[in-house]
Amino acid sequence: MTTESSPAFIDFEASSLDLIASYPIEVGICLPDGTLHSWLIRPHVLWQDWSESAEKIHGITRQTLEQEGLPVSEVAASLNRLLSGPVFCDAWTFDSFWLHRLFRAANIRAEFQLESVSMLLDADQVRLWASSRQQVINRLGLPVHRAANDALILHKTWENIQLLASGSVL
């Protein structure tokens, strides 16, 4: 399945990969026009989980979050202001968990629906995804495991897949 216009993409970084205790620490979105937004998220008082190995991957310290992160209610409200309809991610199980934790802590409802990027792709495009994503990462030269960069990588990979599907040369 493909769409005429570009979709919006979202990515989260988290305190760990524990699907019981982890929580979102950063969220980034890439809007259909390629505009990027990202927010560091100040840990809610009940969020105590922290993984040193996850910190080494994303490079965000808990101290940075406490000093520079925004309250969960502000981040959730910003997401609702900017997003509507389906928003796509590449790790639905984790991203939906972290989205739910963010909005639950903020005590508001998400005004958009999280969907897997695979919903945008046919079988041939799914097979091309990993190699196309790696090409995008190489071309952009951006650090991965930062939410806005990863959302942009999703956007650019989707664009590449569309070009490949139409027979255009990259």
Protein backbone atom coordinates (compact mmCIF):
# COMPACT_ATOMS: atom_id res chain seq x y z
CA MET A 1 0.00 0.00 0.00
CA THR A 2 1.35 3.46 -0.85
CA THR A 3 -0.03 6.93 -0.31
CA GLU A 4 -0.03 9.98 -2.55
CA SER A 5 1.46 12.38 -0.01
CA SER A 6 4.26 11.77 2.41
CA PRO A 7 3.22 10.52 5.85
CA ALA A 8 4.41 11.78 9.24
CA PHE A 9 6.97 9.71 11.13
CA ILE A 10 7.79 9.45 14.84
CA ASP A 11 10.63 7.94 16.84
CA PHE A 12 11.31 7.55 20.55
CA GLU A 13 14.45 7.09 22.59
CA ALA A 14 13.91 5.49 25.97
CA SER A 15 15.41 4.82 29.37
CA SER A 16 15.85 1.14 28.46
CA LEU A 17 14.24 -1.58 26.37
CA ASP A 18 12.32 -2.98 29.35
CA LEU A 19 8.66 -3.08 28.25
CA ILE A 20 7.46 -2.85 31.83
CA ALA A 21 9.67 -0.24 33.48
CA SER A 22 11.09 1.88 30.62
CA TYR A 23 9.78 5.29 29.63
CA PRO A 24 10.33 7.77 26.80
CA ILE A 25 13.20 10.22 27.21
CA GLU A 26 13.11 11.84 23.77
CA VAL A 27 10.58 11.96 20.94
CA GLY A 28 11.17 13.23 17.44
CA ILE A 29 8.81 13.68 14.53
CA CYS A 30 9.25 14.33 10.85
CA LEU A 31 6.20 15.98 9.33
CA PRO A 32 5.10 15.19 5.76
CA ASP A 33 6.99 18.25 4.44
CA GLY A 34 10.23 17.09 6.10
CA THR A 35 10.05 19.53 9.04
CA LEU A 36 11.64 18.07 12.18
CA HIS A 37 10.66 18.58 15.81
CA SER A 38 12.10 16.91 18.89
CA TRP A 39 11.73 17.14 22.64
CA LEU A 40 13.74 15.84 25.55
CA ILE A 41 11.29 14.54 28.15
CA ARG A 42 11.79 15.22 31.86
CA PRO A 43 11.16 11.92 33.68
CA HIS A 44 7.80 11.76 35.45
CA VAL A 45 8.22 11.34 39.22
CA LEU A 46 7.19 7.67 38.98
CA TRP A 47 9.68 6.86 36.20
CA GLN A 48 12.81 5.44 37.83
CA ASP A 49 14.13 2.88 35.32
CA TRP A 50 17.55 3.69 33.83
CA SER A 51 19.90 1.63 31.68
CA GLU A 52 23.58 2.55 31.42
CA SER A 53 23.82 0.53 28.19
CA ALA A 54 20.89 2.47 26.67
CA GLU A 55 22.55 5.74 27.73
CA LYS A 56 25.69 4.69 25.85
CA ILE A 57 23.58 4.15 22.70
CA HIS A 58 21.59 7.41 22.70
CA GLY A 59 24.08 9.54 24.64
CA ILE A 60 21.44 11.25 26.80
CA THR A 61 22.04 11.30 30.55
CA ARG A 62 19.30 11.30 33.16
CA GLN A 63 20.81 14.52 34.53
CA THR A 64 20.40 16.15 31.09
CA LEU A 65 16.74 15.10 31.06
CA GLU A 66 16.13 16.49 34.53
CA GLN A 67 17.79 19.81 33.62
CA GLU A 68 16.70 20.28 29.99
CA GLY A 69 13.72 17.98 29.52
CA LEU A 70 10.20 19.32 29.20
CA PRO A 71 7.30 18.14 31.36
CA VAL A 72 5.35 15.18 29.95
CA SER A 73 2.19 17.30 29.61
CA GLU A 74 3.99 19.88 27.46
CA VAL A 75 5.50 17.23 25.15
CA ALA A 76 2.19 15.39 24.76
CA ALA A 77 0.34 18.65 24.03
CA SER A 78 2.96 19.60 21.41
CA LEU A 79 2.58 16.22 19.70
CA ASN A 80 -1.21 16.64 19.61
CA ARG A 81 -0.85 20.14 18.14
CA LEU A 82 1.40 18.92 15.31
CA LEU A 83 0.04 15.45 14.50
CA SER A 84 -3.27 13.97 13.40
CA GLY A 85 -4.39 10.78 11.72
CA PRO A 86 -1.88 7.97 11.27
CA VAL A 87 1.75 8.57 12.27
CA PHE A 88 4.30 5.91 11.35
CA CYS A 89 7.15 4.29 13.29
CA ASP A 90 9.54 1.40 12.66
CA ALA A 91 9.35 -0.31 16.06
CA TRP A 92 5.62 -0.34 16.78
CA THR A 93 5.73 -2.55 19.90
CA PHE A 94 8.23 -0.29 21.67
CA ASP A 95 7.04 3.03 20.26
CA SER A 96 3.38 2.37 21.10
CA PHE A 97 4.38 1.43 24.66
CA TRP A 98 6.38 4.66 25.10
CA LEU A 99 3.67 6.78 23.46
CA HIS A 100 1.12 5.29 25.85
CA ARG A 101 3.38 5.93 28.87
CA LEU A 102 3.90 9.56 27.82
CA PHE A 103 0.24 10.34 27.30
CA ARG A 104 -0.88 8.41 30.38
CA ALA A 105 1.59 10.36 32.56
CA ALA A 106 0.34 13.60 30.96
CA ASN A 107 -3.25 12.48 31.58
CA ILE A 108 -4.37 13.36 28.06
CA ARG A 109 -5.37 11.34 25.00
CA ALA A 110 -3.26 11.18 21.83
CA GLU A 111 -5.09 12.84 18.93
CA PHE A 112 -3.29 10.65 16.37
CA GLN A 113 -2.81 6.93 15.79
CA LEU A 114 0.53 5.18 15.79
CA GLU A 115 1.01 2.73 12.90
CA SER A 116 3.86 0.52 11.75
CA VAL A 117 5.74 1.76 8.70
CA SER A 118 5.10 -1.68 7.23
CA MET A 119 1.47 -0.57 6.72
CA LEU A 120 2.77 1.81 4.02
CA LEU A 121 4.70 -0.86 2.13
CA ASP A 122 3.97 -3.75 -0.17
CA ALA A 123 5.99 -6.98 0.05
CA ASP A 124 8.67 -5.80 -2.41
CA GLN A 125 9.08 -2.51 -0.53
CA VAL A 126 9.40 -4.33 2.79
CA ARG A 127 12.29 -6.34 1.30
CA LEU A 128 14.00 -3.12 0.14
CA TRP A 129 13.54 -1.27 3.44
CA ALA A 130 16.69 -2.30 5.35
CA SER A 131 19.12 -1.66 2.50
CA SER A 132 17.42 1.60 1.57
CA ARG A 133 17.53 2.73 5.22
CA GLN A 134 21.26 2.01 5.37
CA GLN A 135 21.81 4.01 2.17
CA VAL A 136 19.94 6.95 3.71
CA ILE A 137 21.98 6.75 6.91
CA ASN A 138 25.21 6.68 4.89
CA ARG A 139 24.10 9.58 2.68
CA LEU A 140 22.85 11.81 5.50
CA GLY A 141 25.75 11.06 7.84
CA LEU A 142 23.58 11.74 10.88
CA PRO A 143 24.07 10.03 14.22
CA VAL A 144 21.39 7.39 14.77
CA HIS A 145 19.56 6.80 18.05
CA ARG A 146 18.51 10.41 18.39
CA ALA A 147 14.77 10.75 17.88
CA ALA A 148 14.61 13.56 15.28
CA ASN A 149 17.42 12.03 13.21
CA ASP A 150 15.73 8.63 13.27
CA ALA A 151 12.37 10.16 12.28
CA LEU A 152 14.11 11.92 9.36
CA ILE A 153 15.77 8.65 8.36
CA LEU A 154 12.32 7.01 8.27
CA HIS A 155 11.01 9.85 6.08
CA LYS A 156 13.94 9.72 3.66
CA THR A 157 13.85 5.91 3.51
CA TRP A 158 10.14 6.04 2.66
CA GLU A 159 10.89 8.58 -0.09
CA ASN A 160 13.64 6.30 -1.48
CA ILE A 161 11.29 3.32 -1.48
CA GLN A 162 8.72 5.39 -3.40
CA LEU A 163 11.35 6.32 -6.01
CA LEU A 164 12.42 2.70 -6.34
CA ALA A 165 8.78 1.60 -6.72
CA SER A 166 8.23 4.18 -9.49
CA GLY A 167 11.38 3.05 -11.31
CA SER A 168 13.22 6.34 -10.74
CA VAL A 169 16.96 6.26 -10.17
CA LEU A 170 18.16 7.48 -6.75
